[in-house]
């Protein structure tokens, strides 16, 4: 099974002046995890032309980021820009495009190991009434989805970051060629991604949200994955899957209450092994990078789908039942 990492040291140049959870050390930690697997042979991406940012974002927002990143400043209380942000952002889009193009040429997992992250960034910045950009600048995964749609006619995006990909959902809201499935913790930042959010006019049923309960474990996530994600994959039959890959739901990460382990990430990876994957890095700040990221990759590369007996919580059963009830108009479960 093919595997490549698309990475540039320029991604380290988007950096805070003082402590911030979204910092260059995240990538160094991910690199160490890949080195331990013997999978560290990075491919250097090329930056996209600046006009490619307008595929996803408005001109006003792009200009705001360009102007503000001349020096270190904050776009909002969560989200900074620095003199290295602009170049890193153009390269991150380039890496995301490369991951899609490589996945379509040869089946495998192609990891765009990028910063700054992107899935909270909407067309004009903040999306769906979110209070901030949540560390994100430009939406790499939404761009990857647009590239894949242009090349194949349709695409499926799966976001398993602990937080809802509100920016991705907003960018793709009215696009009926892109199915976006998002598993995340309920009732936390950015306070969106509920079951009734199903897509805009003409795109109803293409946006599937699974807001999982607080303290959800592997059993809950694997159950939701089996009941919702895999049936949609089988019916939609994408030529490529874009993964918005966040590992901040791992037990021991401190931004959410989720309690996932290697079991879920390895299982998710293994069940996706029949599809080419363009994987775009999102969240994950500590142990999720040490353990969750390599588990997902190992699961995919092994291709061994093992049945995992699960005992989901009552709250997880209710969430899945609600999603089935709402989406039964468009999907068979």
Protein backbone atom coordinates (compact mmCIF):
# COMPACT_ATOMS: atom_id res chain seq x y z
CA UNK A 1 0.00 0.00 0.00
CA UNK A 2 1.47 3.36 -1.00
CA UNK A 3 2.22 5.98 1.64
CA UNK A 4 3.76 9.45 1.38
CA UNK A 5 4.07 12.52 3.60
CA UNK A 6 3.93 15.95 2.01
CA UNK A 7 5.77 18.35 4.30
CA UNK A 8 7.94 21.48 4.33
CA UNK A 9 10.00 22.99 7.17
CA UNK A 10 8.29 26.26 6.20
CA UNK A 11 5.24 24.99 8.14
CA UNK A 12 7.30 25.57 11.31
CA UNK A 13 7.57 29.30 10.52
CA UNK A 14 3.92 29.97 11.46
CA UNK A 15 4.79 30.52 15.10
CA UNK A 16 3.49 32.26 18.23
CA UNK A 17 5.51 34.79 20.26
CA UNK A 18 4.56 33.18 23.57
CA UNK A 19 2.99 29.85 24.57
CA UNK A 20 0.11 28.75 22.36
CA UNK A 21 -1.26 25.20 21.98
CA UNK A 22 -1.02 25.50 18.18
CA UNK A 23 2.75 25.76 17.79
CA UNK A 24 5.55 24.28 15.61
CA UNK A 25 6.25 21.59 18.22
CA UNK A 26 3.09 19.80 17.10
CA UNK A 27 4.66 18.96 13.75
CA UNK A 28 7.94 17.90 15.36
CA UNK A 29 5.99 15.51 17.56
CA UNK A 30 4.12 14.07 14.56
CA UNK A 31 7.41 13.68 12.69
CA UNK A 32 8.90 11.69 15.59
CA UNK A 33 5.86 9.38 15.53
CA UNK A 34 6.35 8.80 11.79
CA UNK A 35 10.08 8.23 12.25
CA UNK A 36 9.33 5.54 14.83
CA UNK A 37 7.19 3.81 12.19
CA UNK A 38 10.00 4.08 9.64
CA UNK A 39 7.72 6.20 7.44
CA UNK A 40 9.54 9.53 7.38
CA UNK A 41 10.50 10.26 3.75
CA UNK A 42 8.85 13.62 3.16
CA UNK A 43 8.00 15.12 -0.23
CA UNK A 44 8.39 18.89 -0.49
CA UNK A 45 5.22 20.63 -1.76
CA UNK A 46 5.06 23.63 -4.07
CA UNK A 47 3.05 26.70 -3.06
CA UNK A 48 -0.19 27.38 -4.90
CA UNK A 49 -0.63 30.70 -6.74
CA UNK A 50 -2.30 33.23 -4.43
CA UNK A 51 -5.52 33.21 -6.48
CA UNK A 52 -6.09 29.57 -5.46
CA UNK A 53 -6.98 30.82 -1.97
CA UNK A 54 -10.06 32.39 -3.59
CA UNK A 55 -11.35 28.89 -4.44
CA UNK A 56 -12.34 28.70 -0.79
CA UNK A 57 -12.15 32.20 0.70
CA UNK A 58 -13.26 35.74 -0.09
CA UNK A 59 -10.82 38.31 -1.40
CA UNK A 60 -11.38 40.53 1.65
CA UNK A 61 -10.45 37.75 4.07
CA UNK A 62 -7.38 36.73 2.06
CA UNK A 63 -6.20 40.36 2.01
CA UNK A 64 -6.80 40.68 5.75
CA UNK A 65 -4.55 37.69 6.47
CA UNK A 66 -1.89 38.92 4.03
CA UNK A 67 -1.78 42.38 5.64
CA UNK A 68 -1.90 41.20 9.24
CA UNK A 69 0.80 38.56 8.81
CA UNK A 70 3.44 41.15 7.86
CA UNK A 71 4.17 41.14 11.61
CA UNK A 72 2.99 39.06 14.56
CA UNK A 73 -0.58 39.81 15.55
CA UNK A 74 -3.83 38.18 16.63
CA UNK A 75 -6.79 37.85 14.27
CA UNK A 76 -8.93 37.04 17.33
CA UNK A 77 -8.31 35.87 20.92
CA UNK A 78 -7.50 32.30 19.75
CA UNK A 79 -5.78 32.79 16.42
CA UNK A 80 -2.46 34.43 15.61
CA UNK A 81 -0.57 35.24 12.43
CA UNK A 82 3.18 35.76 12.13
CA UNK A 83 5.66 36.72 9.38
CA UNK A 84 5.87 33.04 8.38
CA UNK A 85 2.10 32.51 8.12
CA UNK A 86 1.51 33.63 4.53
CA UNK A 87 4.17 31.42 2.92
CA UNK A 88 3.20 28.45 5.13
CA UNK A 89 -0.45 28.88 4.11
CA UNK A 90 0.29 28.85 0.37
CA UNK A 91 2.44 25.74 0.87
CA UNK A 92 -0.27 24.07 2.98
CA UNK A 93 -2.73 24.48 0.09
CA UNK A 94 -0.05 23.13 -2.23
CA UNK A 95 0.50 20.10 0.00
CA UNK A 96 -3.25 19.45 0.15
CA UNK A 97 -3.50 19.60 -3.65
CA UNK A 98 -0.51 17.26 -4.01
CA UNK A 99 -2.08 14.75 -1.62
CA UNK A 100 -5.23 14.64 -3.77
CA UNK A 101 -3.33 14.33 -7.04
CA UNK A 102 -1.07 11.56 -5.72
CA UNK A 103 -4.02 9.63 -4.25
CA UNK A 104 -5.77 9.67 -7.63
CA UNK A 105 -2.66 8.41 -9.42
CA UNK A 106 -1.94 5.51 -7.08
CA UNK A 107 -4.12 4.15 -4.30
CA UNK A 108 -2.65 4.81 -0.88
CA UNK A 109 -2.55 7.23 2.04
CA UNK A 110 -1.05 10.65 1.31
CA UNK A 111 -0.59 12.79 4.42
CA UNK A 112 -0.41 16.57 4.03
CA UNK A 113 1.39 17.30 7.31
CA UNK A 114 0.60 21.00 7.31
CA UNK A 115 0.29 24.08 9.47
CA UNK A 116 -1.55 26.36 10.01
CA UNK A 117 -4.60 24.13 10.43
CA UNK A 118 -7.79 25.00 8.59
CA UNK A 119 -11.11 23.29 9.27
CA UNK A 120 -12.62 26.15 11.34
CA UNK A 121 -11.89 28.73 8.62
CA UNK A 122 -14.97 29.67 6.59
CA UNK A 123 -15.23 31.76 3.44
CA UNK A 124 -14.81 35.08 5.24
CA UNK A 125 -13.06 33.81 8.36
CA UNK A 126 -15.28 32.78 11.24
CA UNK A 127 -18.04 30.36 10.22
CA UNK A 128 -21.54 29.50 11.54
CA UNK A 129 -21.43 32.13 14.31
CA UNK A 130 -18.27 30.66 15.84
CA UNK A 131 -16.67 33.14 18.27
CA UNK A 132 -13.18 32.75 16.74
CA UNK A 133 -11.20 31.03 13.98
CA UNK A 134 -10.03 28.38 16.47
CA UNK A 135 -6.31 28.51 15.49
CA UNK A 136 -7.16 28.15 11.75
CA UNK A 137 -6.20 30.46 8.86
CA UNK A 138 -7.16 29.00 5.45
CA UNK A 139 -9.21 25.83 4.95
CA UNK A 140 -6.82 23.20 3.57
CA UNK A 141 -9.35 20.32 3.67
CA UNK A 142 -12.08 22.30 1.90
CA UNK A 143 -9.53 23.20 -0.78
CA UNK A 144 -8.54 19.52 -1.11
CA UNK A 145 -12.24 18.68 -1.51
CA UNK A 146 -12.66 21.30 -4.25
CA UNK A 147 -9.58 19.99 -6.09
CA UNK A 148 -10.86 16.41 -5.82
CA UNK A 149 -14.33 17.45 -7.00
CA UNK A 150 -12.80 19.19 -10.01
CA UNK A 151 -10.78 16.07 -10.89
CA UNK A 152 -13.35 13.33 -10.16
CA UNK A 153 -16.79 15.00 -10.15
CA UNK A 154 -17.57 14.18 -6.53
CA UNK A 155 -15.75 13.60 -3.24
CA UNK A 156 -16.38 12.46 0.33
CA UNK A 157 -14.82 14.32 3.27
CA UNK A 158 -14.56 12.73 6.71
CA UNK A 159 -13.57 14.96 9.65
CA UNK A 160 -12.83 13.16 12.93
CA UNK A 161 -11.16 16.05 14.73
CA UNK A 162 -12.67 16.43 18.21
CA UNK A 163 -14.15 19.79 17.16
CA UNK A 164 -16.72 20.32 14.42
CA UNK A 165 -15.28 21.39 11.05
CA UNK A 166 -17.59 24.39 10.84
CA UNK A 167 -15.49 26.19 8.24
CA UNK A 168 -15.45 23.15 5.97
CA UNK A 169 -19.20 22.75 6.37
CA UNK A 170 -19.81 26.40 5.52
CA UNK A 171 -17.59 26.36 2.41
CA UNK A 172 -19.23 23.16 1.12
CA UNK A 173 -22.75 23.84 2.44
CA UNK A 174 -24.48 24.28 -0.94
CA UNK A 175 -22.28 21.83 -2.86
CA UNK A 176 -24.23 18.64 -3.58
CA UNK A 177 -21.18 16.94 -5.11
CA UNK A 178 -19.31 16.90 -1.79
CA UNK A 179 -20.49 14.70 1.06
CA UNK A 180 -19.06 15.88 4.39
CA UNK A 181 -19.30 13.53 7.39
CA UNK A 182 -18.17 15.05 10.68
CA UNK A 183 -17.74 13.24 14.02
CA UNK A 184 -17.00 15.58 16.93
CA UNK A 185 -17.82 16.25 20.57
CA UNK A 186 -21.25 17.79 21.15
CA UNK A 187 -21.72 21.23 22.73
CA UNK A 188 -18.12 22.43 22.67
CA UNK A 189 -16.31 24.94 20.46
CA UNK A 190 -17.41 25.96 17.80
CA UNK A 191 -20.95 25.11 19.00
CA UNK A 192 -22.18 23.83 15.66
CA UNK A 193 -22.41 20.51 13.86
CA UNK A 194 -25.78 19.28 15.10
CA UNK A 195 -27.80 16.51 13.53
CA UNK A 196 -30.26 18.86 11.84
CA UNK A 197 -27.49 20.63 9.87
CA UNK A 198 -27.88 18.66 6.62
CA UNK A 199 -26.79 21.02 3.80
CA UNK A 200 -28.13 23.98 1.87
CA UNK A 201 -30.75 24.20 -0.88
CA UNK A 202 -30.17 21.42 -3.39
CA UNK A 203 -27.49 19.85 -1.20
CA UNK A 204 -29.68 18.45 1.57
CA UNK A 205 -28.37 15.16 2.93
CA UNK A 206 -24.77 15.81 1.89
CA UNK A 207 -23.69 17.21 5.26
CA UNK A 208 -23.85 14.54 7.97
CA UNK A 209 -23.04 15.52 11.55
CA UNK A 210 -22.43 13.11 14.41
CA UNK A 211 -22.20 15.21 17.59
CA UNK A 212 -20.88 12.61 20.03
CA UNK A 213 -21.51 12.70 23.79
CA UNK A 214 -19.02 14.04 26.32
CA UNK A 215 -16.59 11.34 27.50
CA UNK A 216 -17.30 9.23 24.39
CA UNK A 217 -14.99 6.22 24.05
CA UNK A 218 -13.85 3.89 21.30
CA UNK A 219 -17.05 1.85 21.54
CA UNK A 220 -19.19 4.92 20.85
CA UNK A 221 -17.10 6.09 17.91
CA UNK A 222 -16.73 2.65 16.33
CA UNK A 223 -20.50 2.13 16.63
CA UNK A 224 -21.20 5.49 14.93
CA UNK A 225 -18.58 4.72 12.29
CA UNK A 226 -20.15 1.33 11.49
CA UNK A 227 -23.74 2.56 11.51
CA UNK A 228 -23.35 5.86 9.63
CA UNK A 229 -19.94 6.42 8.03
CA UNK A 230 -19.40 3.04 6.37
CA UNK A 231 -22.93 2.79 4.86
CA UNK A 232 -22.57 6.29 3.37
CA UNK A 233 -19.16 5.40 1.94
CA UNK A 234 -20.59 2.23 0.37
CA UNK A 235 -23.52 4.09 -1.21
CA UNK A 236 -21.62 7.18 -2.39
CA UNK A 237 -18.67 5.20 -3.85
CA UNK A 238 -16.13 8.06 -3.98
CA UNK A 239 -12.97 7.69 -6.04
CA UNK A 240 -11.13 9.48 -3.25
CA UNK A 241 -11.74 10.30 0.42
CA UNK A 242 -10.40 13.51 1.96
CA UNK A 243 -9.72 13.12 5.69
CA UNK A 244 -9.68 16.13 8.01
CA UNK A 245 -7.44 14.35 10.49
CA UNK A 246 -7.47 15.66 14.04
CA UNK A 247 -6.18 13.55 16.93
CA UNK A 248 -7.30 15.79 19.80
CA UNK A 249 -10.02 13.32 20.83
CA UNK A 250 -7.34 10.95 22.14
CA UNK A 251 -7.46 10.23 25.90
CA UNK A 252 -4.92 12.51 27.54
CA UNK A 253 -5.31 15.41 25.09
CA UNK A 254 -6.62 18.29 27.17
CA UNK A 255 -8.91 20.32 24.90
CA UNK A 256 -11.96 18.00 25.04
CA UNK A 257 -13.44 15.24 27.20
CA UNK A 258 -13.24 12.52 24.50
CA UNK A 259 -11.49 9.32 25.57
CA UNK A 260 -10.43 7.66 22.32
CA UNK A 261 -7.47 5.28 22.02
CA UNK A 262 -5.41 3.61 19.30
CA UNK A 263 -8.31 1.16 18.84
CA UNK A 264 -10.65 3.66 17.17
CA UNK A 265 -8.01 5.29 14.98
CA UNK A 266 -6.58 1.95 13.82
CA UNK A 267 -10.09 0.64 13.13
CA UNK A 268 -11.06 3.76 11.17
CA UNK A 269 -7.87 3.51 9.14
CA UNK A 270 -8.38 -0.17 8.35
CA UNK A 271 -11.96 0.32 7.15
CA UNK A 272 -10.80 3.05 4.75
CA UNK A 273 -8.05 0.89 3.23
CA UNK A 274 -10.03 0.17 0.04
CA UNK A 275 -10.10 3.90 -0.81
CA UNK A 276 -7.33 6.32 -1.81
CA UNK A 277 -6.94 8.89 0.99
CA UNK A 278 -5.81 12.51 0.95
CA UNK A 279 -5.25 13.13 4.67
CA UNK A 280 -5.02 16.76 5.80
CA UNK A 281 -3.63 17.36 9.29
CA UNK A 282 -5.83 19.34 11.70
CA UNK A 283 -5.81 19.09 15.53
CA UNK A 284 -3.81 17.02 17.99
CA UNK A 285 -1.42 18.55 20.49
CA UNK A 286 0.23 15.84 22.59
CA UNK A 287 -0.44 12.12 23.07
CA UNK A 288 -2.84 12.05 20.13
CA UNK A 289 0.11 12.74 17.85
CA UNK A 290 2.30 10.16 19.58
CA UNK A 291 -0.30 7.39 19.41
CA UNK A 292 -3.42 8.31 17.41
CA UNK A 293 -1.71 9.40 14.19
CA UNK A 294 0.50 6.30 13.86
CA UNK A 295 -2.44 4.03 14.79
CA UNK A 296 -4.55 5.48 11.96
CA UNK A 297 -1.71 5.04 9.45
CA UNK A 298 -0.89 1.50 10.63
CA UNK A 299 -4.56 0.55 10.42
CA UNK A 300 -4.80 1.81 6.84
CA UNK A 301 -1.56 0.19 5.68
CA UNK A 302 -2.44 -3.16 7.28
CA UNK A 303 -5.75 -3.32 5.41
CA UNK A 304 -6.97 -5.86 7.96
CA UNK A 305 -10.54 -5.06 8.95
CA UNK A 306 -11.21 -6.93 12.17
CA UNK A 307 -14.64 -6.99 13.70
CA UNK A 308 -14.60 -5.11 17.00
CA UNK A 309 -17.40 -5.94 19.45
CA UNK A 310 -18.71 -2.71 20.99
CA UNK A 311 -20.98 -1.60 23.81
CA UNK A 312 -21.95 1.99 23.00
CA UNK A 313 -23.39 4.32 25.61
CA UNK A 314 -27.06 5.24 25.67
CA UNK A 315 -26.17 8.78 24.52
CA UNK A 316 -24.23 7.44 21.52
CA UNK A 317 -27.13 5.14 20.59
CA UNK A 318 -29.50 8.12 20.73
CA UNK A 319 -27.22 10.29 18.56
CA UNK A 320 -26.89 7.61 15.89
CA UNK A 321 -30.65 6.97 15.96
CA UNK A 322 -31.32 10.71 15.44
CA UNK A 323 -28.89 10.89 12.53
CA UNK A 324 -30.52 7.85 10.89
CA UNK A 325 -33.98 9.30 11.37
CA UNK A 326 -33.02 12.66 9.83
CA UNK A 327 -30.92 11.27 6.97
CA UNK A 328 -33.10 8.28 6.04
CA UNK A 329 -34.63 10.58 3.39
CA UNK A 330 -31.30 10.47 1.49
CA UNK A 331 -29.39 7.39 2.71
CA UNK A 332 -30.09 3.75 3.55
CA UNK A 333 -28.88 2.54 6.92
